[in-house]
Amino acid sequence: MKHTKHAKEISDRFRELVEDSGESLNEKHYDELSLLIEAGIDTALVEMLEKMAAKVENLAHKIRDDAEFFA
């Protein structure tokens, strides 16, 4: 998925910043960072989908109300 790739790219960029500063971290930490970033992206997507679902539900109620008015 795109967000998995994006999480890896962010983690890789962080690795570059760490290494440019002369530091280093264990590979396992970068893998964990990627997972945390991916989880954050997933959470943001779910929250956005919930908001969109609420908007669709609201619109469906308005359509029903309008249909009842014209029936």
N, C-alpha and C. Protein backbone atom coordinates (compact mmCIF):
# COMPACT_ATOMS: atom_id res chain seq x y z
N MET A 1 0.83 -1.18 0.00
CA MET A 1 0.00 0.00 0.00
C MET A 1 0.88 1.25 0.00
N LYS A 2 0.25 2.34 -0.42
CA LYS A 2 1.00 3.59 -0.51
C LYS A 2 1.50 4.07 0.85
N HIS A 3 0.66 3.94 1.88
CA HIS A 3 1.08 4.48 3.18
C HIS A 3 2.23 3.67 3.78
N THR A 4 2.35 2.40 3.44
CA THR A 4 3.49 1.60 3.90
C THR A 4 4.77 2.13 3.27
N LYS A 5 4.70 2.40 1.98
CA LYS A 5 5.85 2.95 1.27
C LYS A 5 6.20 4.34 1.81
N HIS A 6 5.18 5.13 2.05
CA HIS A 6 5.41 6.48 2.56
C HIS A 6 6.07 6.44 3.95
N ALA A 7 5.60 5.53 4.80
CA ALA A 7 6.18 5.37 6.14
C ALA A 7 7.65 4.99 6.03
N LYS A 8 7.97 4.10 5.10
CA LYS A 8 9.36 3.68 4.90
C LYS A 8 10.21 4.85 4.42
N GLU A 9 9.67 5.66 3.52
CA GLU A 9 10.40 6.83 3.02
C GLU A 9 10.69 7.82 4.15
N ILE A 10 9.73 8.03 5.02
CA ILE A 10 9.93 8.94 6.16
C ILE A 10 11.02 8.39 7.08
N SER A 11 10.93 7.10 7.35
CA SER A 11 11.92 6.45 8.20
C SER A 11 13.32 6.54 7.59
N ASP A 12 13.40 6.33 6.28
CA ASP A 12 14.69 6.43 5.59
C ASP A 12 15.24 7.85 5.66
N ARG A 13 14.37 8.83 5.52
CA ARG A 13 14.82 10.23 5.62
C ARG A 13 15.33 10.53 7.03
N PHE A 14 14.64 9.99 8.04
CA PHE A 14 15.09 10.17 9.41
C PHE A 14 16.46 9.52 9.60
N ARG A 15 16.64 8.34 9.00
CA ARG A 15 17.94 7.66 9.07
C ARG A 15 19.04 8.54 8.49
N GLU A 16 18.75 9.18 7.37
CA GLU A 16 19.74 10.08 6.75
C GLU A 16 20.11 11.22 7.70
N LEU A 17 19.11 11.80 8.33
CA LEU A 17 19.38 12.89 9.26
C LEU A 17 20.23 12.43 10.44
N VAL A 18 19.92 11.25 10.96
CA VAL A 18 20.68 10.71 12.09
C VAL A 18 22.12 10.44 11.66
N GLU A 19 22.28 9.79 10.52
CA GLU A 19 23.63 9.45 10.06
C GLU A 19 24.43 10.69 9.68
N ASP A 20 23.76 11.71 9.12
CA ASP A 20 24.44 12.96 8.78
C ASP A 20 24.96 13.66 10.03
N SER A 21 24.31 13.42 11.16
CA SER A 21 24.76 14.03 12.41
C SER A 21 25.88 13.23 13.06
N GLY A 22 26.25 12.10 12.44
CA GLY A 22 27.33 11.27 12.97
C GLY A 22 26.86 10.20 13.93
N GLU A 23 25.57 10.08 14.10
CA GLU A 23 25.00 9.08 15.01
C GLU A 23 24.54 7.86 14.21
N SER A 24 24.15 6.84 14.94
CA SER A 24 23.58 5.66 14.28
C SER A 24 22.61 4.97 15.23
N LEU A 25 21.68 4.26 14.65
CA LEU A 25 20.71 3.48 15.42
C LEU A 25 20.67 2.06 14.85
N ASN A 26 20.19 1.16 15.65
CA ASN A 26 20.03 -0.22 15.23
C ASN A 26 18.94 -0.30 14.16
N GLU A 27 19.10 -1.19 13.19
CA GLU A 27 18.12 -1.37 12.11
C GLU A 27 16.72 -1.64 12.66
N LYS A 28 16.66 -2.36 13.77
CA LYS A 28 15.38 -2.69 14.39
C LYS A 28 14.61 -1.41 14.76
N HIS A 29 15.32 -0.39 15.19
CA HIS A 29 14.68 0.87 15.57
C HIS A 29 14.05 1.57 14.36
N TYR A 30 14.72 1.50 13.24
CA TYR A 30 14.15 2.10 12.03
C TYR A 30 12.92 1.33 11.57
N ASP A 31 12.94 0.01 11.71
CA ASP A 31 11.77 -0.79 11.38
C ASP A 31 10.60 -0.44 12.29
N GLU A 32 10.88 -0.27 13.59
CA GLU A 32 9.84 0.11 14.54
C GLU A 32 9.30 1.50 14.22
N LEU A 33 10.20 2.41 13.84
CA LEU A 33 9.77 3.75 13.46
C LEU A 33 8.83 3.70 12.26
N SER A 34 9.16 2.89 11.27
CA SER A 34 8.29 2.74 10.10
C SER A 34 6.92 2.23 10.50
N LEU A 35 6.88 1.27 11.41
CA LEU A 35 5.60 0.73 11.87
C LEU A 35 4.78 1.79 12.62
N LEU A 36 5.45 2.57 13.45
CA LEU A 36 4.76 3.64 14.18
C LEU A 36 4.20 4.69 13.23
N ILE A 37 4.99 5.06 12.23
CA ILE A 37 4.53 6.04 11.25
C ILE A 37 3.34 5.49 10.48
N GLU A 38 3.44 4.23 10.06
CA GLU A 38 2.35 3.60 9.32
C GLU A 38 1.07 3.55 10.18
N ALA A 39 1.22 3.23 11.45
CA ALA A 39 0.06 3.19 12.35
C ALA A 39 -0.56 4.58 12.47
N GLY A 40 0.27 5.61 12.53
CA GLY A 40 -0.25 6.98 12.59
C GLY A 40 -1.00 7.36 11.33
N ILE A 41 -0.47 6.96 10.19
CA ILE A 41 -1.15 7.24 8.92
C ILE A 41 -2.49 6.49 8.89
N ASP A 42 -2.49 5.22 9.30
CA ASP A 42 -3.72 4.44 9.33
C ASP A 42 -4.77 5.09 10.23
N THR A 43 -4.34 5.55 11.39
CA THR A 43 -5.27 6.20 12.32
C THR A 43 -5.87 7.46 11.70
N ALA A 44 -5.04 8.25 11.05
CA ALA A 44 -5.53 9.47 10.41
C ALA A 44 -6.52 9.14 9.29
N LEU A 45 -6.24 8.08 8.53
CA LEU A 45 -7.14 7.68 7.46
C LEU A 45 -8.49 7.21 8.00
N VAL A 46 -8.46 6.42 9.06
CA VAL A 46 -9.70 5.94 9.66
C VAL A 46 -10.53 7.11 10.19
N GLU A 47 -9.89 8.06 10.84
CA GLU A 47 -10.61 9.23 11.34
C GLU A 47 -11.24 10.02 10.20
N MET A 48 -10.52 10.16 9.10
CA MET A 48 -11.04 10.88 7.94
C MET A 48 -12.23 10.12 7.34
N LEU A 49 -12.11 8.79 7.23
CA LEU A 49 -13.21 8.00 6.68
C LEU A 49 -14.45 8.07 7.57
N GLU A 50 -14.25 8.10 8.88
CA GLU A 50 -15.39 8.22 9.78
C GLU A 50 -16.11 9.56 9.58
N LYS A 51 -15.34 10.62 9.39
CA LYS A 51 -15.94 11.94 9.14
C LYS A 51 -16.70 11.93 7.81
N MET A 52 -16.11 11.31 6.80
CA MET A 52 -16.77 11.23 5.49
C MET A 52 -18.06 10.41 5.59
N ALA A 53 -18.02 9.31 6.34
CA ALA A 53 -19.22 8.48 6.51
C ALA A 53 -20.32 9.27 7.20
N ALA A 54 -19.97 10.08 8.18
CA ALA A 54 -20.95 10.91 8.87
C ALA A 54 -21.57 11.92 7.91
N LYS A 55 -20.76 12.49 7.03
CA LYS A 55 -21.29 13.44 6.04
C LYS A 55 -22.25 12.75 5.08
N VAL A 56 -21.88 11.53 4.63
CA VAL A 56 -22.75 10.78 3.71
C VAL A 56 -24.06 10.42 4.41
N GLU A 57 -23.98 10.01 5.66
CA GLU A 57 -25.18 9.68 6.42
C GLU A 57 -26.09 10.90 6.56
N ASN A 58 -25.50 12.05 6.85
CA ASN A 58 -26.27 13.29 6.97
C ASN A 58 -26.94 13.64 5.64
N LEU A 59 -26.19 13.48 4.56
CA LEU A 59 -26.75 13.76 3.24
C LEU A 59 -27.89 12.81 2.92
N ALA A 60 -27.75 11.53 3.29
CA ALA A 60 -28.82 10.56 3.05
C ALA A 60 -30.10 10.96 3.79
N HIS A 61 -29.96 11.45 5.01
CA HIS A 61 -31.13 11.91 5.77
C HIS A 61 -31.78 13.11 5.08
N LYS A 62 -30.97 14.03 4.58
CA LYS A 62 -31.51 15.20 3.89
C LYS A 62 -32.24 14.79 2.61
N ILE A 63 -31.68 13.82 1.89
CA ILE A 63 -32.33 13.34 0.67
C ILE A 63 -33.67 12.70 1.00
N ARG A 64 -33.71 11.90 2.07
CA ARG A 64 -34.97 11.28 2.49
C ARG A 64 -36.01 12.35 2.86
N ASP A 65 -35.56 13.35 3.58
CA ASP A 65 -36.47 14.44 3.95
C ASP A 65 -37.02 15.15 2.72
N ASP A 66 -36.15 15.42 1.76
CA ASP A 66 -36.58 16.07 0.52
C ASP A 66 -37.53 15.17 -0.26
N ALA A 67 -37.24 13.87 -0.29
CA ALA A 67 -38.10 12.94 -1.01
C ALA A 67 -39.49 12.88 -0.38
N GLU A 68 -39.55 12.92 0.93
CA GLU A 68 -40.83 12.91 1.63
C GLU A 68 -41.61 14.19 1.34
N PHE A 69 -40.90 15.28 1.20
CA PHE A 69 -41.56 16.56 0.90
C PHE A 69 -42.24 16.52 -0.48
N PHE A 70 -41.58 15.89 -1.44
CA PHE A 70 -42.10 15.85 -2.81
C PHE A 70 -43.04 14.67 -3.04
N ALA A 71 -43.11 13.71 -2.10
CA ALA A 71 -43.96 12.53 -2.31
C ALA A 71 -45.40 12.82 -2.02
